[in-house]
Amino acid sequence: MNKSCCNTRKAHHSDEFKKKLSNRMSRIEGQVRGIQKMINEDNYCDDVLTQIAAVKSALSSVSQQLFEAHLNSCILEQIHSGQDEVMNELKETVKKMLK
């Protein structure tokens, strides 16, 4: 049995890629805490909404990067090994991402 990333349900990204995503997620976490503080301090709604839009954009960027990596690694590996059922999983993932 092939012990690739997706057969064991684990990714196998480079340390550099994981560090990049982890750093970005830490910054997003800080932005979310900042939004919470803005709400608690009664900041002007437009300013809070602008920060929320920035977080949504940042999360979208991380999601796109991870999805591309997923396509180029796990999905491609499974297709090459004849695991066509991965296409159903991919369709579901795309549906979730488009919500």
PDB file of N, CA and C in Angstrom:
ATOM      1  N   MET A   1       0.841  -1.193   0.000  1.00  0.00           N
ATOM      2  CA  MET A   1       0.000   0.000   0.000  1.00  0.00           C
ATOM      3  C   MET A   1       0.878   1.246   0.000  1.00  0.00           C
ATOM      4  N   ASN A   2       0.526   2.207  -0.796  1.00  0.00           N
ATOM      5  CA  ASN A   2       1.265   3.468  -0.900  1.00  0.00           C
ATOM      6  C   ASN A   2       1.039   4.304   0.358  1.00  0.00           C
ATOM      7  N   LYS A   3       2.094   4.726   0.982  1.00  0.00           N
ATOM      8  CA  LYS A   3       1.996   5.531   2.207  1.00  0.00           C
ATOM      9  C   LYS A   3       2.165   7.007   1.898  1.00  0.00           C
ATOM     10  N   SER A   4       1.583   7.478   0.799  1.00  0.00           N
ATOM     11  CA  SER A   4       1.705   8.891   0.426  1.00  0.00           C
ATOM     12  C   SER A   4       0.907   9.758   1.382  1.00  0.00           C
ATOM     13  N   CYS A   5       0.965  11.033   1.156  1.00  0.00           N
ATOM     14  CA  CYS A   5       0.353  11.995   2.074  1.00  0.00           C
ATOM     15  C   CYS A   5      -1.122  11.724   2.312  1.00  0.00           C
ATOM     16  N   CYS A   6      -1.836  11.410   1.286  1.00  0.00           N
ATOM     17  CA  CYS A   6      -3.281  11.331   1.430  1.00  0.00           C
ATOM     18  C   CYS A   6      -3.779   9.966   1.860  1.00  0.00           C
ATOM     19  N   ASN A   7      -2.999   8.913   1.658  1.00  0.00           N
ATOM     20  CA  ASN A   7      -3.414   7.594   2.139  1.00  0.00           C
ATOM     21  C   ASN A   7      -3.365   7.553   3.654  1.00  0.00           C
ATOM     22  N   THR A   8      -2.500   8.313   4.249  1.00  0.00           N
ATOM     23  CA  THR A   8      -2.424   8.395   5.702  1.00  0.00           C
ATOM     24  C   THR A   8      -3.115   9.657   6.196  1.00  0.00           C
ATOM     25  N   ARG A   9      -3.732  10.367   5.267  1.00  0.00           N
ATOM     26  CA  ARG A   9      -4.472  11.600   5.543  1.00  0.00           C
ATOM     27  C   ARG A   9      -3.589  12.655   6.191  1.00  0.00           C
ATOM     28  N   LYS A  10      -2.352  12.718   5.734  1.00  0.00           N
ATOM     29  CA  LYS A  10      -1.429  13.754   6.193  1.00  0.00           C
ATOM     30  C   LYS A  10      -0.824  14.421   4.979  1.00  0.00           C
ATOM     31  N   ALA A  11      -0.600  15.705   5.107  1.00  0.00           N
ATOM     32  CA  ALA A  11       0.065  16.444   4.047  1.00  0.00           C
ATOM     33  C   ALA A  11       1.575  16.246   4.188  1.00  0.00           C
ATOM     34  N   HIS A  12       2.281  16.564   3.150  1.00  0.00           N
ATOM     35  CA  HIS A  12       3.737  16.456   3.200  1.00  0.00           C
ATOM     36  C   HIS A  12       4.349  17.671   2.502  1.00  0.00           C
ATOM     37  N   HIS A  13       4.063  18.822   3.079  1.00  0.00           N
ATOM     38  CA  HIS A  13       4.582  20.075   2.540  1.00  0.00           C
ATOM     39  C   HIS A  13       5.981  20.346   3.081  1.00  0.00           C
ATOM     40  N   SER A  14       6.695  21.149   2.355  1.00  0.00           N
ATOM     41  CA  SER A  14       8.044  21.494   2.791  1.00  0.00           C
ATOM     42  C   SER A  14       7.975  22.325   4.079  1.00  0.00           C
ATOM     43  N   ASP A  15       9.051  22.292   4.823  1.00  0.00           N
ATOM     44  CA  ASP A  15       9.123  23.098   6.045  1.00  0.00           C
ATOM     45  C   ASP A  15       8.969  24.577   5.723  1.00  0.00           C
ATOM     46  N   GLU A  16       9.532  25.001   4.608  1.00  0.00           N
ATOM     47  CA  GLU A  16       9.422  26.407   4.201  1.00  0.00           C
ATOM     48  C   GLU A  16       7.969  26.797   3.941  1.00  0.00           C
ATOM     49  N   PHE A  17       7.237  25.939   3.244  1.00  0.00           N
ATOM     50  CA  PHE A  17       5.829  26.212   2.941  1.00  0.00           C
ATOM     51  C   PHE A  17       5.009  26.254   4.226  1.00  0.00           C
ATOM     52  N   LYS A  18       5.230  25.277   5.117  1.00  0.00           N
ATOM     53  CA  LYS A  18       4.498  25.248   6.383  1.00  0.00           C
ATOM     54  C   LYS A  18       4.807  26.483   7.224  1.00  0.00           C
ATOM     55  N   LYS A  19       6.060  26.894   7.229  1.00  0.00           N
ATOM     56  CA  LYS A  19       6.445  28.081   7.999  1.00  0.00           C
ATOM     57  C   LYS A  19       5.763  29.329   7.428  1.00  0.00           C
ATOM     58  N   LYS A  20       5.722  29.420   6.116  1.00  0.00           N
ATOM     59  CA  LYS A  20       5.074  30.559   5.458  1.00  0.00           C
ATOM     60  C   LYS A  20       3.592  30.626   5.833  1.00  0.00           C
ATOM     61  N   LEU A  21       2.895  29.485   5.735  1.00  0.00           N
ATOM     62  CA  LEU A  21       1.475  29.467   6.083  1.00  0.00           C
ATOM     63  C   LEU A  21       1.262  29.712   7.569  1.00  0.00           C
ATOM     64  N   SER A  22       2.104  29.129   8.398  1.00  0.00           N
ATOM     65  CA  SER A  22       1.980  29.307   9.839  1.00  0.00           C
ATOM     66  C   SER A  22       2.184  30.771  10.243  1.00  0.00           C
ATOM     67  N   ASN A  23       3.178  31.405   9.657  1.00  0.00           N
ATOM     68  CA  ASN A  23       3.420  32.824   9.944  1.00  0.00           C
ATOM     69  C   ASN A  23       2.232  33.674   9.515  1.00  0.00           C
ATOM     70  N   ARG A  24       1.680  33.361   8.350  1.00  0.00           N
ATOM     71  CA  ARG A  24       0.533  34.127   7.863  1.00  0.00           C
ATOM     72  C   ARG A  24      -0.670  33.923   8.769  1.00  0.00           C
ATOM     73  N   MET A  25      -0.885  32.692   9.218  1.00  0.00           N
ATOM     74  CA  MET A  25      -2.009  32.424  10.116  1.00  0.00           C
ATOM     75  C   MET A  25      -1.825  33.124  11.464  1.00  0.00           C
ATOM     76  N   SER A  26      -0.603  33.242  11.923  1.00  0.00           N
ATOM     77  CA  SER A  26      -0.340  33.971  13.172  1.00  0.00           C
ATOM     78  C   SER A  26      -0.686  35.443  13.014  1.00  0.00           C
ATOM     79  N   ARG A  27      -0.351  36.007  11.852  1.00  0.00           N
ATOM     80  CA  ARG A  27      -0.706  37.407  11.601  1.00  0.00           C
ATOM     81  C   ARG A  27      -2.223  37.580  11.534  1.00  0.00           C
ATOM     82  N   ILE A  28      -2.897  36.635  10.903  1.00  0.00           N
ATOM     83  CA  ILE A  28      -4.359  36.693  10.816  1.00  0.00           C
ATOM     84  C   ILE A  28      -4.972  36.582  12.210  1.00  0.00           C
ATOM     85  N   GLU A  29      -4.418  35.708  13.032  1.00  0.00           N
ATOM     86  CA  GLU A  29      -4.894  35.569  14.410  1.00  0.00           C
ATOM     87  C   GLU A  29      -4.779  36.906  15.147  1.00  0.00           C
ATOM     88  N   GLY A  30      -3.675  37.590  14.943  1.00  0.00           N
ATOM     89  CA  GLY A  30      -3.500  38.906  15.556  1.00  0.00           C
ATOM     90  C   GLY A  30      -4.512  39.913  15.032  1.00  0.00           C
ATOM     91  N   GLN A  31      -4.794  39.845  13.744  1.00  0.00           N
ATOM     92  CA  GLN A  31      -5.798  40.746  13.163  1.00  0.00           C
ATOM     93  C   GLN A  31      -7.172  40.491  13.779  1.00  0.00           C
ATOM     94  N   VAL A  32      -7.518  39.218  13.974  1.00  0.00           N
ATOM     95  CA  VAL A  32      -8.818  38.880  14.553  1.00  0.00           C
ATOM     96  C   VAL A  32      -8.901  39.391  15.992  1.00  0.00           C
ATOM     97  N   ARG A  33      -7.822  39.232  16.753  1.00  0.00           N
ATOM     98  CA  ARG A  33      -7.811  39.770  18.120  1.00  0.00           C
ATOM     99  C   ARG A  33      -7.964  41.289  18.091  1.00  0.00           C
ATOM    100  N   GLY A  34      -7.356  41.926  17.099  1.00  0.00           N
ATOM    101  CA  GLY A  34      -7.492  43.372  16.953  1.00  0.00           C
ATOM    102  C   GLY A  34      -8.925  43.776  16.666  1.00  0.00           C
ATOM    103  N   ILE A  35      -9.607  42.996  15.853  1.00  0.00           N
ATOM    104  CA  ILE A  35     -11.019  43.281  15.552  1.00  0.00           C
ATOM    105  C   ILE A  35     -11.861  43.148  16.808  1.00  0.00           C
ATOM    106  N   GLN A  36     -11.600  42.113  17.573  1.00  0.00           N
ATOM    107  CA  GLN A  36     -12.341  41.923  18.821  1.00  0.00           C
ATOM    108  C   GLN A  36     -12.143  43.123  19.749  1.00  0.00           C
ATOM    109  N   LYS A  37     -10.915  43.610  19.815  1.00  0.00           N
ATOM    110  CA  LYS A  37     -10.614  44.781  20.647  1.00  0.00           C
ATOM    111  C   LYS A  37     -11.343  46.013  20.110  1.00  0.00           C
ATOM    112  N   MET A  38     -11.353  46.162  18.791  1.00  0.00           N
ATOM    113  CA  MET A  38     -12.051  47.308  18.184  1.00  0.00           C
ATOM    114  C   MET A  38     -13.538  47.290  18.548  1.00  0.00           C
ATOM    115  N   ILE A  39     -14.143  46.107  18.511  1.00  0.00           N
ATOM    116  CA  ILE A  39     -15.565  45.988  18.851  1.00  0.00           C
ATOM    117  C   ILE A  39     -15.786  46.336  20.317  1.00  0.00           C
ATOM    118  N   ASN A  40     -14.929  45.790  21.188  1.00  0.00           N
ATOM    119  CA  ASN A  40     -15.057  46.064  22.621  1.00  0.00           C
ATOM    120  C   ASN A  40     -14.854  47.538  22.946  1.00  0.00           C
ATOM    121  N   GLU A  41     -14.068  48.225  22.137  1.00  0.00           N
ATOM    122  CA  GLU A  41     -13.789  49.642  22.363  1.00  0.00           C
ATOM    123  C   GLU A  41     -14.734  50.554  21.580  1.00  0.00           C
ATOM    124  N   ASP A  42     -15.772  49.975  20.999  1.00  0.00           N
ATOM    125  CA  ASP A  42     -16.785  50.731  20.252  1.00  0.00           C
ATOM    126  C   ASP A  42     -16.212  51.531  19.092  1.00  0.00           C
ATOM    127  N   ASN A  43     -15.234  50.956  18.404  1.00  0.00           N
ATOM    128  CA  ASN A  43     -14.691  51.639  17.226  1.00  0.00           C
ATOM    129  C   ASN A  43     -15.776  51.790  16.172  1.00  0.00           C
ATOM    130  N   TYR A  44     -15.581  52.748  15.312  1.00  0.00           N
ATOM    131  CA  TYR A  44     -16.528  53.046  14.242  1.00  0.00           C
ATOM    132  C   TYR A  44     -16.737  51.805  13.375  1.00  0.00           C
ATOM    133  N   CYS A  45     -17.997  51.499  13.079  1.00  0.00           N
ATOM    134  CA  CYS A  45     -18.355  50.260  12.359  1.00  0.00           C
ATOM    135  C   CYS A  45     -17.596  50.098  11.044  1.00  0.00           C
ATOM    136  N   ASP A  46     -17.450  51.175  10.288  1.00  0.00           N
ATOM    137  CA  ASP A  46     -16.772  51.088   8.999  1.00  0.00           C
ATOM    138  C   ASP A  46     -15.320  50.635   9.180  1.00  0.00           C
ATOM    139  N   ASP A  47     -14.675  51.108  10.230  1.00  0.00           N
ATOM    140  CA  ASP A  47     -13.293  50.693  10.496  1.00  0.00           C
ATOM    141  C   ASP A  47     -13.216  49.203  10.831  1.00  0.00           C
ATOM    142  N   VAL A  48     -14.174  48.722  11.604  1.00  0.00           N
ATOM    143  CA  VAL A  48     -14.208  47.295  11.968  1.00  0.00           C
ATOM    144  C   VAL A  48     -14.481  46.458  10.722  1.00  0.00           C
ATOM    145  N   LEU A  49     -15.435  46.891   9.921  1.00  0.00           N
ATOM    146  CA  LEU A  49     -15.772  46.157   8.700  1.00  0.00           C
ATOM    147  C   LEU A  49     -14.588  46.105   7.736  1.00  0.00           C
ATOM    148  N   THR A  50     -13.825  47.169   7.674  1.00  0.00           N
ATOM    149  CA  THR A  50     -12.630  47.187   6.826  1.00  0.00           C
ATOM    150  C   THR A  50     -11.627  46.151   7.298  1.00  0.00           C
ATOM    151  N   GLN A  51     -11.455  46.030   8.609  1.00  0.00           N
ATOM    152  CA  GLN A  51     -10.529  45.039   9.148  1.00  0.00           C
ATOM    153  C   GLN A  51     -11.043  43.615   8.932  1.00  0.00           C
ATOM    154  N   ILE A  52     -12.344  43.436   9.041  1.00  0.00           N
ATOM    155  CA  ILE A  52     -12.927  42.115   8.770  1.00  0.00           C
ATOM    156  C   ILE A  52     -12.687  41.726   7.316  1.00  0.00           C
ATOM    157  N   ALA A  53     -12.862  42.677   6.407  1.00  0.00           N
ATOM    158  CA  ALA A  53     -12.615  42.410   4.987  1.00  0.00           C
ATOM    159  C   ALA A  53     -11.151  42.030   4.756  1.00  0.00           C
ATOM    160  N   ALA A  54     -10.243  42.679   5.476  1.00  0.00           N
ATOM    161  CA  ALA A  54      -8.821  42.361   5.343  1.00  0.00           C
ATOM    162  C   ALA A  54      -8.533  40.936   5.812  1.00  0.00           C
ATOM    163  N   VAL A  55      -9.161  40.513   6.905  1.00  0.00           N
ATOM    164  CA  VAL A  55      -8.975  39.153   7.415  1.00  0.00           C
ATOM    165  C   VAL A  55      -9.547  38.145   6.427  1.00  0.00           C
ATOM    166  N   LYS A  56     -10.718  38.420   5.892  1.00  0.00           N
ATOM    167  CA  LYS A  56     -11.318  37.516   4.910  1.00  0.00           C
ATOM    168  C   LYS A  56     -10.411  37.363   3.694  1.00  0.00           C
ATOM    169  N   SER A  57      -9.832  38.451   3.253  1.00  0.00           N
ATOM    170  CA  SER A  57      -8.928  38.417   2.106  1.00  0.00           C
ATOM    171  C   SER A  57      -7.670  37.610   2.430  1.00  0.00           C
ATOM    172  N   ALA A  58      -7.137  37.803   3.613  1.00  0.00           N
ATOM    173  CA  ALA A  58      -5.937  37.076   4.028  1.00  0.00           C
ATOM    174  C   ALA A  58      -6.217  35.580   4.130  1.00  0.00           C
ATOM    175  N   LEU A  59      -7.357  35.209   4.705  1.00  0.00           N
ATOM    176  CA  LEU A  59      -7.729  33.798   4.800  1.00  0.00           C
ATOM    177  C   LEU A  59      -7.936  33.193   3.415  1.00  0.00           C
ATOM    178  N   SER A  60      -8.524  33.960   2.523  1.00  0.00           N
ATOM    179  CA  SER A  60      -8.722  33.494   1.159  1.00  0.00           C
ATOM    180  C   SER A  60      -7.386  33.221   0.482  1.00  0.00           C
ATOM    181  N   SER A  61      -6.428  34.083   0.717  1.00  0.00           N
ATOM    182  CA  SER A  61      -5.100  33.903   0.138  1.00  0.00           C
ATOM    183  C   SER A  61      -4.434  32.628   0.661  1.00  0.00           C
ATOM    184  N   VAL A  62      -4.517  32.394   1.963  1.00  0.00           N
ATOM    185  CA  VAL A  62      -3.952  31.183   2.557  1.00  0.00           C
ATOM    186  C   VAL A  62      -4.656  29.958   1.984  1.00  0.00           C
ATOM    187  N   SER A  63      -5.968  30.039   1.882  1.00  0.00           N
ATOM    188  CA  SER A  63      -6.747  28.934   1.343  1.00  0.00           C
ATOM    189  C   SER A  63      -6.337  28.621  -0.088  1.00  0.00           C
ATOM    190  N   GLN A  64      -6.160  29.623  -0.899  1.00  0.00           N
ATOM    191  CA  GLN A  64      -5.759  29.426  -2.294  1.00  0.00           C
ATOM    192  C   GLN A  64      -4.382  28.775  -2.383  1.00  0.00           C
ATOM    193  N   GLN A  65      -3.454  29.235  -1.557  1.00  0.00           N
ATOM    194  CA  GLN A  65      -2.109  28.666  -1.567  1.00  0.00           C
ATOM    195  C   GLN A  65      -2.131  27.190  -1.152  1.00  0.00           C
ATOM    196  N   LEU A  66      -2.887  26.896  -0.112  1.00  0.00           N
ATOM    197  CA  LEU A  66      -2.970  25.523   0.369  1.00  0.00           C
ATOM    198  C   LEU A  66      -3.692  24.634  -0.638  1.00  0.00           C
ATOM    199  N   PHE A  67      -4.739  25.141  -1.259  1.00  0.00           N
ATOM    200  CA  PHE A  67      -5.473  24.369  -2.257  1.00  0.00           C
ATOM    201  C   PHE A  67      -4.585  24.040  -3.454  1.00  0.00           C
ATOM    202  N   GLU A  68      -3.818  25.013  -3.898  1.00  0.00           N
ATOM    203  CA  GLU A  68      -2.897  24.773  -5.017  1.00  0.00           C
ATOM    204  C   GLU A  68      -1.872  23.699  -4.650  1.00  0.00           C
ATOM    205  N   ALA A  69      -1.340  23.785  -3.451  1.00  0.00           N
ATOM    206  CA  ALA A  69      -0.376  22.782  -2.994  1.00  0.00           C
ATOM    207  C   ALA A  69      -1.039  21.407  -2.907  1.00  0.00           C
ATOM    208  N   HIS A  70      -2.278  21.376  -2.449  1.00  0.00           N
ATOM    209  CA  HIS A  70      -3.028  20.128  -2.345  1.00  0.00           C
ATOM    210  C   HIS A  70      -3.226  19.504  -3.735  1.00  0.00           C
ATOM    211  N   LEU A  71      -3.595  20.323  -4.695  1.00  0.00           N
ATOM    212  CA  LEU A  71      -3.768  19.827  -6.062  1.00  0.00           C
ATOM    213  C   LEU A  71      -2.471  19.247  -6.610  1.00  0.00           C
ATOM    214  N   ASN A  72      -1.377  19.949  -6.360  1.00  0.00           N
ATOM    215  CA  ASN A  72      -0.083  19.552  -6.911  1.00  0.00           C
ATOM    216  C   ASN A  72       0.579  18.402  -6.169  1.00  0.00           C
ATOM    217  N   SER A  73       0.042  18.042  -5.019  1.00  0.00           N
ATOM    218  CA  SER A  73       0.654  16.935  -4.271  1.00  0.00           C
ATOM    219  C   SER A  73      -0.360  15.812  -4.079  1.00  0.00           C
ATOM    220  N   CYS A  74      -1.192  15.912  -3.109  1.00  0.00           N
ATOM    221  CA  CYS A  74      -2.104  14.822  -2.744  1.00  0.00           C
ATOM    222  C   CYS A  74      -3.019  14.400  -3.892  1.00  0.00           C
ATOM    223  N   ILE A  75      -3.672  15.350  -4.499  1.00  0.00           N
ATOM    224  CA  ILE A  75      -4.623  15.012  -5.561  1.00  0.00           C
ATOM    225  C   ILE A  75      -3.902  14.378  -6.735  1.00  0.00           C
ATOM    226  N   LEU A  76      -2.825  14.977  -7.166  1.00  0.00           N
ATOM    227  CA  LEU A  76      -2.064  14.447  -8.294  1.00  0.00           C
ATOM    228  C   LEU A  76      -1.545  13.042  -8.002  1.00  0.00           C
ATOM    229  N   GLU A  77      -1.029  12.829  -6.795  1.00  0.00           N
ATOM    230  CA  GLU A  77      -0.536  11.501  -6.409  1.00  0.00           C
ATOM    231  C   GLU A  77      -1.637  10.456  -6.482  1.00  0.00           C
ATOM    232  N   GLN A  78      -2.806  10.795  -5.960  1.00  0.00           N
ATOM    233  CA  GLN A  78      -3.899   9.831  -5.951  1.00  0.00           C
ATOM    234  C   GLN A  78      -4.398   9.524  -7.364  1.00  0.00           C
ATOM    235  N   ILE A  79      -4.465  10.517  -8.206  1.00  0.00           N
ATOM    236  CA  ILE A  79      -4.875  10.289  -9.588  1.00  0.00           C
ATOM    237  C   ILE A  79      -3.865   9.389 -10.289  1.00  0.00           C
ATOM    238  N   HIS A  80      -2.593   9.665 -10.108  1.00  0.00           N
ATOM    239  CA  HIS A  80      -1.542   8.859 -10.744  1.00  0.00           C
ATOM    240  C   HIS A  80      -1.533   7.420 -10.246  1.00  0.00           C
ATOM    241  N   SER A  81      -1.984   7.215  -9.007  1.00  0.00           N
ATOM    242  CA  SER A  81      -2.007   5.849  -8.474  1.00  0.00           C
ATOM    243  C   SER A  81      -3.348   5.150  -8.741  1.00  0.00           C
ATOM    244  N   GLY A  82      -4.210   5.799  -9.544  1.00  0.00           N
ATOM    245  CA  GLY A  82      -5.458   5.173  -9.948  1.00  0.00           C
ATOM    246  C   GLY A  82      -6.603   5.320  -8.969  1.00  0.00           C
ATOM    247  N   GLN A  83      -6.473   6.197  -7.997  1.00  0.00           N
ATOM    248  CA  GLN A  83      -7.525   6.398  -6.997  1.00  0.00           C
ATOM    249  C   GLN A  83      -8.491   7.482  -7.497  1.00  0.00           C
ATOM    250  N   ASP A  84      -9.343   7.104  -8.430  1.00  0.00           N
ATOM    251  CA  ASP A  84     -10.247   8.059  -9.067  1.00  0.00           C
ATOM    252  C   ASP A  84     -11.288   8.640  -8.111  1.00  0.00           C
ATOM    253  N   GLU A  85     -11.544   7.973  -6.991  1.00  0.00           N
ATOM    254  CA  GLU A  85     -12.531   8.481  -6.038  1.00  0.00           C
ATOM    255  C   GLU A  85     -12.110   9.822  -5.439  1.00  0.00           C
ATOM    256  N   VAL A  86     -10.854  10.167  -5.600  1.00  0.00           N
ATOM    257  CA  VAL A  86     -10.378  11.451  -5.089  1.00  0.00           C
ATOM    258  C   VAL A  86     -11.104  12.610  -5.763  1.00  0.00           C
ATOM    259  N   MET A  87     -11.627  12.388  -6.955  1.00  0.00           N
ATOM    260  CA  MET A  87     -12.339  13.449  -7.659  1.00  0.00           C
ATOM    261  C   MET A  87     -13.601  13.851  -6.907  1.00  0.00           C
ATOM    262  N   ASN A  88     -14.286  12.907  -6.282  1.00  0.00           N
ATOM    263  CA  ASN A  88     -15.473  13.240  -5.484  1.00  0.00           C
ATOM    264  C   ASN A  88     -15.090  14.092  -4.283  1.00  0.00           C
ATOM    265  N   GLU A  89     -13.990  13.732  -3.649  1.00  0.00           N
ATOM    266  CA  GLU A  89     -13.501  14.527  -2.516  1.00  0.00           C
ATOM    267  C   GLU A  89     -13.139  15.932  -2.970  1.00  0.00           C
ATOM    268  N   LEU A  90     -12.483  16.023  -4.112  1.00  0.00           N
ATOM    269  CA  LEU A  90     -12.090  17.324  -4.658  1.00  0.00           C
ATOM    270  C   LEU A  90     -13.314  18.185  -4.955  1.00  0.00           C
ATOM    271  N   LYS A  91     -14.348  17.587  -5.524  1.00  0.00           N
ATOM    272  CA  LYS A  91     -15.577  18.331  -5.813  1.00  0.00           C
ATOM    273  C   LYS A  91     -16.181  18.895  -4.527  1.00  0.00           C
ATOM    274  N   GLU A  92     -16.199  18.082  -3.478  1.00  0.00           N
ATOM    275  CA  GLU A  92     -16.745  18.540  -2.192  1.00  0.00           C
ATOM    276  C   GLU A  92     -15.907  19.666  -1.603  1.00  0.00           C
ATOM    277  N   THR A  93     -14.601  19.546  -1.734  1.00  0.00           N
ATOM    278  CA  THR A  93     -13.709  20.592  -1.230  1.00  0.00           C
ATOM    279  C   THR A  93     -13.961  21.911  -1.957  1.00  0.00           C
ATOM    280  N   VAL A  94     -14.098  21.844  -3.266  1.00  0.00           N
ATOM    281  CA  VAL A  94     -14.354  23.056  -4.062  1.00  0.00           C
ATOM    282  C   VAL A  94     -15.689  23.672  -3.656  1.00  0.00           C
ATOM    283  N   LYS A  95     -16.707  22.852  -3.443  1.00  0.00           N
ATOM    284  CA  LYS A  95     -18.013  23.371  -3.005  1.00  0.00           C
ATOM    285  C   LYS A  95     -17.879  24.135  -1.688  1.00  0.00           C
ATOM    286  N   LYS A  96     -17.128  23.545  -0.754  1.00  0.00           N
ATOM    287  CA  LYS A  96     -16.933  24.198   0.551  1.00  0.00           C
ATOM    288  C   LYS A  96     -16.193  25.523   0.392  1.00  0.00           C
ATOM    289  N   MET A  97     -15.210  25.528  -0.477  1.00  0.00           N
ATOM    290  CA  MET A  97     -14.421  26.752  -0.663  1.00  0.00           C
ATOM    291  C   MET A  97     -15.221  27.868  -1.314  1.00  0.00           C
ATOM    292  N   LEU A  98     -16.217  27.502  -2.120  1.00  0.00           N
ATOM    293  CA  LEU A  98     -17.004  28.503  -2.840  1.00  0.00           C
ATOM    294  C   LEU A  98     -18.173  29.040  -2.048  1.00  0.00           C
ATOM    295  N   LYS A  99     -18.419  28.503  -0.866  1.00  0.00           N
ATOM    296  CA  LYS A  99     -19.529  28.996  -0.028  1.00  0.00           C
ATOM    297  C   LYS A  99     -19.200  30.342   0.545  1.00  0.00           C
TER     298      LYS A  99
END
